[in-house]
Amino acid sequence: NKPVGALCISPVIFAKIFGDVEITIGQDQGTAEAVEKMGATHTKTNHGEVIIDEKNNVFTTPCYMLDANILDIAKGASNIVKAMLERM
């Protein structure tokens, strides 16, 4: 069960594929409601935070789903890679 990661809006794909998965797309209420209708659990996050779904080995971070600059994106990308490498 290899780890998989998704940033920005792409965690929605995991909601569609896995259904029962915990993800984040930041704080957008409409998108959160949509992924929850697909059976996923959404967790609100801020810049740089990573949500880890232990059961599915899925890692997500919001990036540009929040009002972000390139430094915010770099922090999120770095944190998700670090979290995934720690699990390998």
PDB file of N, CA and C in Angstrom:
ATOM      1  N   ASN A   1       0.852  -1.178   0.000  1.00  0.00           N
ATOM      2  CA  ASN A   1       0.000   0.000   0.000  1.00  0.00           C
ATOM      3  C   ASN A   1       0.897   1.240   0.000  1.00  0.00           C
ATOM      4  N   LYS A   2       1.282   1.689  -1.168  1.00  0.00           N
ATOM      5  CA  LYS A   2       2.192   2.824  -1.308  1.00  0.00           C
ATOM      6  C   LYS A   2       1.485   4.132  -0.975  1.00  0.00           C
ATOM      7  N   PRO A   3       2.223   5.072  -0.394  1.00  0.00           N
ATOM      8  CA  PRO A   3       1.614   6.376  -0.103  1.00  0.00           C
ATOM      9  C   PRO A   3       1.349   7.161  -1.383  1.00  0.00           C
ATOM     10  N   VAL A   4       0.248   7.890  -1.383  1.00  0.00           N
ATOM     11  CA  VAL A   4      -0.077   8.783  -2.496  1.00  0.00           C
ATOM     12  C   VAL A   4      -0.416  10.152  -1.919  1.00  0.00           C
ATOM     13  N   GLY A   5      -0.038  11.186  -2.641  1.00  0.00           N
ATOM     14  CA  GLY A   5      -0.282  12.537  -2.168  1.00  0.00           C
ATOM     15  C   GLY A   5      -0.992  13.375  -3.201  1.00  0.00           C
ATOM     16  N   ALA A   6      -1.702  14.386  -2.733  1.00  0.00           N
ATOM     17  CA  ALA A   6      -2.408  15.300  -3.628  1.00  0.00           C
ATOM     18  C   ALA A   6      -2.428  16.688  -3.011  1.00  0.00           C
ATOM     19  N   LEU A   7      -2.280  17.686  -3.872  1.00  0.00           N
ATOM     20  CA  LEU A   7      -2.249  19.083  -3.452  1.00  0.00           C
ATOM     21  C   LEU A   7      -3.353  19.850  -4.167  1.00  0.00           C
ATOM     22  N   CYS A   8      -3.761  20.956  -3.564  1.00  0.00           N
ATOM     23  CA  CYS A   8      -4.719  21.888  -4.158  1.00  0.00           C
ATOM     24  C   CYS A   8      -6.092  21.223  -4.316  1.00  0.00           C
ATOM     25  N   ILE A   9      -6.667  21.234  -5.524  1.00  0.00           N
ATOM     26  CA  ILE A   9      -7.992  20.649  -5.763  1.00  0.00           C
ATOM     27  C   ILE A   9      -7.923  19.143  -6.015  1.00  0.00           C
ATOM     28  N   SER A  10      -6.738  18.622  -6.311  1.00  0.00           N
ATOM     29  CA  SER A  10      -6.630  17.209  -6.687  1.00  0.00           C
ATOM     30  C   SER A  10      -7.064  16.206  -5.615  1.00  0.00           C
ATOM     31  N   PRO A  11      -7.100  16.520  -4.316  1.00  0.00           N
ATOM     32  CA  PRO A  11      -7.634  15.549  -3.360  1.00  0.00           C
ATOM     33  C   PRO A  11      -9.082  15.129  -3.656  1.00  0.00           C
ATOM     34  N   VAL A  12      -9.799  15.924  -4.413  1.00  0.00           N
ATOM     35  CA  VAL A  12     -11.168  15.556  -4.793  1.00  0.00           C
ATOM     36  C   VAL A  12     -11.163  14.239  -5.568  1.00  0.00           C
ATOM     37  N   ILE A  13     -10.102  13.994  -6.330  1.00  0.00           N
ATOM     38  CA  ILE A  13      -9.992  12.735  -7.075  1.00  0.00           C
ATOM     39  C   ILE A  13      -9.967  11.556  -6.108  1.00  0.00           C
ATOM     40  N   PHE A  14      -9.264  11.704  -4.983  1.00  0.00           N
ATOM     41  CA  PHE A  14      -9.230  10.631  -3.993  1.00  0.00           C
ATOM     42  C   PHE A  14     -10.617  10.381  -3.410  1.00  0.00           C
ATOM     43  N   ALA A  15     -11.386  11.442  -3.218  1.00  0.00           N
ATOM     44  CA  ALA A  15     -12.757  11.276  -2.731  1.00  0.00           C
ATOM     45  C   ALA A  15     -13.560  10.440  -3.720  1.00  0.00           C
ATOM     46  N   LYS A  16     -13.370  10.704  -4.991  1.00  0.00           N
ATOM     47  CA  LYS A  16     -14.092   9.969  -6.037  1.00  0.00           C
ATOM     48  C   LYS A  16     -13.623   8.512  -6.115  1.00  0.00           C
ATOM     49  N   ILE A  17     -12.312   8.290  -6.006  1.00  0.00           N
ATOM     50  CA  ILE A  17     -11.749   6.942  -6.135  1.00  0.00           C
ATOM     51  C   ILE A  17     -12.004   6.096  -4.888  1.00  0.00           C
ATOM     52  N   PHE A  18     -11.650   6.628  -3.716  1.00  0.00           N
ATOM     53  CA  PHE A  18     -11.705   5.853  -2.483  1.00  0.00           C
ATOM     54  C   PHE A  18     -13.048   5.947  -1.761  1.00  0.00           C
ATOM     55  N   GLY A  19     -13.755   7.056  -1.936  1.00  0.00           N
ATOM     56  CA  GLY A  19     -14.995   7.256  -1.190  1.00  0.00           C
ATOM     57  C   GLY A  19     -14.711   7.535   0.272  1.00  0.00           C
ATOM     58  N   ASP A  20     -14.482   6.494   1.033  1.00  0.00           N
ATOM     59  CA  ASP A  20     -14.232   6.617   2.473  1.00  0.00           C
ATOM     60  C   ASP A  20     -12.765   6.968   2.708  1.00  0.00           C
ATOM     61  N   VAL A  21     -12.449   8.257   2.612  1.00  0.00           N
ATOM     62  CA  VAL A  21     -11.081   8.739   2.768  1.00  0.00           C
ATOM     63  C   VAL A  21     -11.117  10.101   3.453  1.00  0.00           C
ATOM     64  N   GLU A  22     -10.105  10.391   4.253  1.00  0.00           N
ATOM     65  CA  GLU A  22     -10.005  11.712   4.880  1.00  0.00           C
ATOM     66  C   GLU A  22      -9.053  12.567   4.057  1.00  0.00           C
ATOM     67  N   ILE A  23      -9.533  13.748   3.633  1.00  0.00           N
ATOM     68  CA  ILE A  23      -8.738  14.645   2.796  1.00  0.00           C
ATOM     69  C   ILE A  23      -8.923  16.088   3.256  1.00  0.00           C
ATOM     70  N   THR A  24      -8.148  16.980   2.634  1.00  0.00           N
ATOM     71  CA  THR A  24      -8.369  18.411   2.815  1.00  0.00           C
ATOM     72  C   THR A  24      -8.320  19.112   1.470  1.00  0.00           C
ATOM     73  N   ILE A  25      -9.131  20.121   1.338  1.00  0.00           N
ATOM     74  CA  ILE A  25      -9.046  21.063   0.222  1.00  0.00           C
ATOM     75  C   ILE A  25      -9.002  22.478   0.798  1.00  0.00           C
ATOM     76  N   GLY A  26      -8.580  22.570   2.056  1.00  0.00           N
ATOM     77  CA  GLY A  26      -8.482  23.874   2.702  1.00  0.00           C
ATOM     78  C   GLY A  26      -9.719  24.213   3.491  1.00  0.00           C
ATOM     79  N   GLN A  27     -10.390  25.311   3.098  1.00  0.00           N
ATOM     80  CA  GLN A  27     -11.537  25.784   3.867  1.00  0.00           C
ATOM     81  C   GLN A  27     -12.754  26.113   3.015  1.00  0.00           C
ATOM     82  N   ASP A  28     -12.735  25.746   1.746  1.00  0.00           N
ATOM     83  CA  ASP A  28     -13.850  26.064   0.855  1.00  0.00           C
ATOM     84  C   ASP A  28     -15.058  25.178   1.181  1.00  0.00           C
ATOM     85  N   GLN A  29     -16.108  25.785   1.704  1.00  0.00           N
ATOM     86  CA  GLN A  29     -17.278  25.047   2.169  1.00  0.00           C
ATOM     87  C   GLN A  29     -17.969  24.267   1.054  1.00  0.00           C
ATOM     88  N   GLY A  30     -18.110  24.874  -0.113  1.00  0.00           N
ATOM     89  CA  GLY A  30     -18.795  24.206  -1.217  1.00  0.00           C
ATOM     90  C   GLY A  30     -18.075  22.954  -1.676  1.00  0.00           C
ATOM     91  N   THR A  31     -16.767  23.039  -1.808  1.00  0.00           N
ATOM     92  CA  THR A  31     -15.981  21.875  -2.221  1.00  0.00           C
ATOM     93  C   THR A  31     -15.980  20.821  -1.122  1.00  0.00           C
ATOM     94  N   ALA A  32     -15.902  21.252   0.124  1.00  0.00           N
ATOM     95  CA  ALA A  32     -15.950  20.312   1.249  1.00  0.00           C
ATOM     96  C   ALA A  32     -17.269  19.538   1.245  1.00  0.00           C
ATOM     97  N   GLU A  33     -18.364  20.221   1.004  1.00  0.00           N
ATOM     98  CA  GLU A  33     -19.667  19.551   0.946  1.00  0.00           C
ATOM     99  C   GLU A  33     -19.719  18.562  -0.205  1.00  0.00           C
ATOM    100  N   ALA A  34     -19.126  18.914  -1.337  1.00  0.00           N
ATOM    101  CA  ALA A  34     -19.118  18.022  -2.503  1.00  0.00           C
ATOM    102  C   ALA A  34     -18.338  16.740  -2.215  1.00  0.00           C
ATOM    103  N   VAL A  35     -17.163  16.854  -1.582  1.00  0.00           N
ATOM    104  CA  VAL A  35     -16.387  15.642  -1.298  1.00  0.00           C
ATOM    105  C   VAL A  35     -17.062  14.794  -0.224  1.00  0.00           C
ATOM    106  N   GLU A  36     -17.752  15.433   0.695  1.00  0.00           N
ATOM    107  CA  GLU A  36     -18.474  14.672   1.711  1.00  0.00           C
ATOM    108  C   GLU A  36     -19.646  13.911   1.101  1.00  0.00           C
ATOM    109  N   LYS A  37     -20.261  14.454   0.061  1.00  0.00           N
ATOM    110  CA  LYS A  37     -21.322  13.731  -0.647  1.00  0.00           C
ATOM    111  C   LYS A  37     -20.775  12.496  -1.352  1.00  0.00           C
ATOM    112  N   MET A  38     -19.476  12.504  -1.663  1.00  0.00           N
ATOM    113  CA  MET A  38     -18.822  11.344  -2.285  1.00  0.00           C
ATOM    114  C   MET A  38     -18.413  10.306  -1.244  1.00  0.00           C
ATOM    115  N   GLY A  39     -18.648  10.594   0.026  1.00  0.00           N
ATOM    116  CA  GLY A  39     -18.324   9.658   1.094  1.00  0.00           C
ATOM    117  C   GLY A  39     -17.040   9.962   1.830  1.00  0.00           C
ATOM    118  N   ALA A  40     -16.338  11.019   1.429  1.00  0.00           N
ATOM    119  CA  ALA A  40     -15.075  11.382   2.067  1.00  0.00           C
ATOM    120  C   ALA A  40     -15.318  12.229   3.313  1.00  0.00           C
ATOM    121  N   THR A  41     -14.313  12.304   4.149  1.00  0.00           N
ATOM    122  CA  THR A  41     -14.307  13.190   5.303  1.00  0.00           C
ATOM    123  C   THR A  41     -13.375  14.344   4.989  1.00  0.00           C
ATOM    124  N   HIS A  42     -13.870  15.563   5.148  1.00  0.00           N
ATOM    125  CA  HIS A  42     -13.030  16.733   4.893  1.00  0.00           C
ATOM    126  C   HIS A  42     -12.601  17.350   6.214  1.00  0.00           C
ATOM    127  N   THR A  43     -11.322  17.720   6.285  1.00  0.00           N
ATOM    128  CA  THR A  43     -10.780  18.412   7.448  1.00  0.00           C
ATOM    129  C   THR A  43     -10.287  19.781   7.014  1.00  0.00           C
ATOM    130  N   LYS A  44     -10.779  20.837   7.669  1.00  0.00           N
ATOM    131  CA  LYS A  44     -10.314  22.192   7.354  1.00  0.00           C
ATOM    132  C   LYS A  44      -8.854  22.336   7.753  1.00  0.00           C
ATOM    133  N   THR A  45      -8.077  22.981   6.880  1.00  0.00           N
ATOM    134  CA  THR A  45      -6.657  23.191   7.155  1.00  0.00           C
ATOM    135  C   THR A  45      -6.228  24.582   6.728  1.00  0.00           C
ATOM    136  N   ASN A  46      -5.053  24.952   7.197  1.00  0.00           N
ATOM    137  CA  ASN A  46      -4.404  26.200   6.814  1.00  0.00           C
ATOM    138  C   ASN A  46      -3.144  25.880   6.020  1.00  0.00           C
ATOM    139  N   HIS A  47      -2.437  26.926   5.620  1.00  0.00           N
ATOM    140  CA  HIS A  47      -1.213  26.769   4.845  1.00  0.00           C
ATOM    141  C   HIS A  47      -0.230  25.825   5.530  1.00  0.00           C
ATOM    142  N   GLY A  48       0.315  24.910   4.759  1.00  0.00           N
ATOM    143  CA  GLY A  48       1.359  24.022   5.254  1.00  0.00           C
ATOM    144  C   GLY A  48       0.889  22.802   6.006  1.00  0.00           C
ATOM    145  N   GLU A  49      -0.394  22.738   6.337  1.00  0.00           N
ATOM    146  CA  GLU A  49      -0.897  21.578   7.073  1.00  0.00           C
ATOM    147  C   GLU A  49      -1.140  20.410   6.123  1.00  0.00           C
ATOM    148  N   VAL A  50      -0.872  19.211   6.617  1.00  0.00           N
ATOM    149  CA  VAL A  50      -1.044  17.989   5.837  1.00  0.00           C
ATOM    150  C   VAL A  50      -2.015  17.078   6.581  1.00  0.00           C
ATOM    151  N   ILE A  51      -2.987  16.557   5.858  1.00  0.00           N
ATOM    152  CA  ILE A  51      -3.909  15.574   6.419  1.00  0.00           C
ATOM    153  C   ILE A  51      -3.460  14.197   5.940  1.00  0.00           C
ATOM    154  N   ILE A  52      -3.343  13.278   6.889  1.00  0.00           N
ATOM    155  CA  ILE A  52      -2.911  11.919   6.568  1.00  0.00           C
ATOM    156  C   ILE A  52      -4.053  10.960   6.875  1.00  0.00           C
ATOM    157  N   ASP A  53      -4.504  10.258   5.843  1.00  0.00           N
ATOM    158  CA  ASP A  53      -5.489   9.196   6.016  1.00  0.00           C
ATOM    159  C   ASP A  53      -4.700   7.897   6.168  1.00  0.00           C
ATOM    160  N   GLU A  54      -4.577   7.419   7.389  1.00  0.00           N
ATOM    161  CA  GLU A  54      -3.765   6.237   7.692  1.00  0.00           C
ATOM    162  C   GLU A  54      -4.283   4.986   6.984  1.00  0.00           C
ATOM    163  N   LYS A  55      -5.590   4.826   6.940  1.00  0.00           N
ATOM    164  CA  LYS A  55      -6.185   3.616   6.362  1.00  0.00           C
ATOM    165  C   LYS A  55      -5.854   3.475   4.880  1.00  0.00           C
ATOM    166  N   ASN A  56      -5.954   4.574   4.135  1.00  0.00           N
ATOM    167  CA  ASN A  56      -5.729   4.534   2.692  1.00  0.00           C
ATOM    168  C   ASN A  56      -4.322   4.967   2.290  1.00  0.00           C
ATOM    169  N   ASN A  57      -3.513   5.398   3.268  1.00  0.00           N
ATOM    170  CA  ASN A  57      -2.153   5.881   3.016  1.00  0.00           C
ATOM    171  C   ASN A  57      -2.163   7.070   2.049  1.00  0.00           C
ATOM    172  N   VAL A  58      -3.097   7.993   2.290  1.00  0.00           N
ATOM    173  CA  VAL A  58      -3.312   9.171   1.449  1.00  0.00           C
ATOM    174  C   VAL A  58      -2.900  10.423   2.221  1.00  0.00           C
ATOM    175  N   PHE A  59      -2.184  11.306   1.539  1.00  0.00           N
ATOM    176  CA  PHE A  59      -1.675  12.547   2.114  1.00  0.00           C
ATOM    177  C   PHE A  59      -2.193  13.716   1.277  1.00  0.00           C
ATOM    178  N   THR A  60      -2.765  14.732   1.925  1.00  0.00           N
ATOM    179  CA  THR A  60      -3.287  15.886   1.183  1.00  0.00           C
ATOM    180  C   THR A  60      -2.945  17.194   1.886  1.00  0.00           C
ATOM    181  N   THR A  61      -2.823  18.248   1.084  1.00  0.00           N
ATOM    182  CA  THR A  61      -2.569  19.600   1.586  1.00  0.00           C
ATOM    183  C   THR A  61      -3.258  20.588   0.640  1.00  0.00           C
ATOM    184  N   PRO A  62      -3.743  21.728   1.130  1.00  0.00           N
ATOM    185  CA  PRO A  62      -4.619  22.584   0.325  1.00  0.00           C
ATOM    186  C   PRO A  62      -3.965  23.488  -0.722  1.00  0.00           C
ATOM    187  N   CYS A  63      -2.749  23.927  -0.524  1.00  0.00           N
ATOM    188  CA  CYS A  63      -2.045  24.831  -1.463  1.00  0.00           C
ATOM    189  C   CYS A  63      -2.937  25.962  -1.960  1.00  0.00           C
ATOM    190  N   TYR A  64      -3.164  26.051  -3.285  1.00  0.00           N
ATOM    191  CA  TYR A  64      -3.903  27.175  -3.870  1.00  0.00           C
ATOM    192  C   TYR A  64      -5.413  27.139  -3.619  1.00  0.00           C
ATOM    193  N   MET A  65      -5.909  26.150  -2.890  1.00  0.00           N
ATOM    194  CA  MET A  65      -7.316  26.197  -2.492  1.00  0.00           C
ATOM    195  C   MET A  65      -7.520  27.253  -1.402  1.00  0.00           C
ATOM    196  N   LEU A  66      -6.418  27.728  -0.849  1.00  0.00           N
ATOM    197  CA  LEU A  66      -6.436  28.862   0.075  1.00  0.00           C
ATOM    198  C   LEU A  66      -5.862  30.061  -0.666  1.00  0.00           C
ATOM    199  N   ASP A  67      -6.079  31.240  -0.136  1.00  0.00           N
ATOM    200  CA  ASP A  67      -5.455  32.433  -0.707  1.00  0.00           C
ATOM    201  C   ASP A  67      -3.972  32.336  -0.379  1.00  0.00           C
ATOM    202  N   ALA A  68      -3.168  31.889  -1.346  1.00  0.00           N
ATOM    203  CA  ALA A  68      -1.782  31.534  -1.067  1.00  0.00           C
ATOM    204  C   ALA A  68      -0.799  32.253  -1.977  1.00  0.00           C
ATOM    205  N   ASN A  69       0.409  32.422  -1.458  1.00  0.00           N
ATOM    206  CA  ASN A  69       1.507  32.905  -2.288  1.00  0.00           C
ATOM    207  C   ASN A  69       2.488  31.748  -2.485  1.00  0.00           C
ATOM    208  N   ILE A  70       3.520  31.976  -3.258  1.00  0.00           N
ATOM    209  CA  ILE A  70       4.443  30.896  -3.597  1.00  0.00           C
ATOM    210  C   ILE A  70       5.150  30.330  -2.361  1.00  0.00           C
ATOM    211  N   LEU A  71       5.380  31.144  -1.353  1.00  0.00           N
ATOM    212  CA  LEU A  71       5.999  30.638  -0.124  1.00  0.00           C
ATOM    213  C   LEU A  71       5.061  29.696   0.626  1.00  0.00           C
ATOM    214  N   ASP A  72       3.762  30.009   0.615  1.00  0.00           N
ATOM    215  CA  ASP A  72       2.770  29.119   1.228  1.00  0.00           C
ATOM    216  C   ASP A  72       2.731  27.780   0.497  1.00  0.00           C
ATOM    217  N   ILE A  73       2.787  27.837  -0.832  1.00  0.00           N
ATOM    218  CA  ILE A  73       2.750  26.620  -1.644  1.00  0.00           C
ATOM    219  C   ILE A  73       3.988  25.775  -1.367  1.00  0.00           C
ATOM    220  N   ALA A  74       5.145  26.421  -1.313  1.00  0.00           N
ATOM    221  CA  ALA A  74       6.391  25.699  -1.043  1.00  0.00           C
ATOM    222  C   ALA A  74       6.333  24.999   0.315  1.00  0.00           C
ATOM    223  N   LYS A  75       5.770  25.669   1.307  1.00  0.00           N
ATOM    224  CA  LYS A  75       5.652  25.080   2.643  1.00  0.00           C
ATOM    225  C   LYS A  75       4.768  23.837   2.608  1.00  0.00           C
ATOM    226  N   GLY A  76       3.617  23.939   1.941  1.00  0.00           N
ATOM    227  CA  GLY A  76       2.712  22.795   1.843  1.00  0.00           C
ATOM    228  C   GLY A  76       3.332  21.635   1.083  1.00  0.00           C
ATOM    229  N   ALA A  77       3.982  21.944  -0.044  1.00  0.00           N
ATOM    230  CA  ALA A  77       4.612  20.900  -0.855  1.00  0.00           C
ATOM    231  C   ALA A  77       5.735  20.220  -0.081  1.00  0.00           C
ATOM    232  N   SER A  78       6.540  21.003   0.592  1.00  0.00           N
ATOM    233  CA  SER A  78       7.637  20.445   1.387  1.00  0.00           C
ATOM    234  C   SER A  78       7.109  19.572   2.521  1.00  0.00           C
ATOM    235  N   ASN A  79       6.071  20.028   3.191  1.00  0.00           N
ATOM    236  CA  ASN A  79       5.514  19.279   4.316  1.00  0.00           C
ATOM    237  C   ASN A  79       4.880  17.965   3.887  1.00  0.00           C
ATOM    238  N   ILE A  80       4.225  17.951   2.724  1.00  0.00           N
ATOM    239  CA  ILE A  80       3.593  16.705   2.287  1.00  0.00           C
ATOM    240  C   ILE A  80       4.652  15.684   1.876  1.00  0.00           C
ATOM    241  N   VAL A  81       5.708  16.139   1.207  1.00  0.00           N
ATOM    242  CA  VAL A  81       6.793  15.226   0.831  1.00  0.00           C
ATOM    243  C   VAL A  81       7.465  14.676   2.087  1.00  0.00           C
ATOM    244  N   LYS A  82       7.728  15.533   3.051  1.00  0.00           N
ATOM    245  CA  LYS A  82       8.347  15.106   4.308  1.00  0.00           C
ATOM    246  C   LYS A  82       7.479  14.063   5.013  1.00  0.00           C
ATOM    247  N   ALA A  83       6.181  14.321   5.096  1.00  0.00           N
ATOM    248  CA  ALA A  83       5.264  13.388   5.757  1.00  0.00           C
ATOM    249  C   ALA A  83       5.241  12.039   5.045  1.00  0.00           C
ATOM    250  N   MET A  84       5.248  12.069   3.713  1.00  0.00           N
ATOM    251  CA  MET A  84       5.228  10.817   2.954  1.00  0.00           C
ATOM    252  C   MET A  84       6.531  10.042   3.136  1.00  0.00           C
ATOM    253  N   LEU A  85       7.658  10.730   3.109  1.00  0.00           N
ATOM    254  CA  LEU A  85       8.950  10.059   3.281  1.00  0.00           C
ATOM    255  C   LEU A  85       9.087   9.442   4.670  1.00  0.00           C
ATOM    256  N   GLU A  86       8.501  10.081   5.662  1.00  0.00           N
ATOM    257  CA  GLU A  86       8.539   9.533   7.022  1.00  0.00           C
ATOM    258  C   GLU A  86       7.778   8.219   7.130  1.00  0.00           C
ATOM    259  N   ARG A  87       6.817   7.985   6.258  1.00  0.00           N
ATOM    260  CA  ARG A  87       5.997   6.771   6.291  1.00  0.00           C
ATOM    261  C   ARG A  87       6.581   5.640   5.444  1.00  0.00           C
ATOM    262  N   MET A  88       7.610   5.946   4.671  1.00  0.00           N
ATOM    263  CA  MET A  88       8.176   4.932   3.765  1.00  0.00           C
ATOM    264  C   MET A  88       9.276   4.144   4.444  1.00  0.00           C
TER     265      MET A  88
END
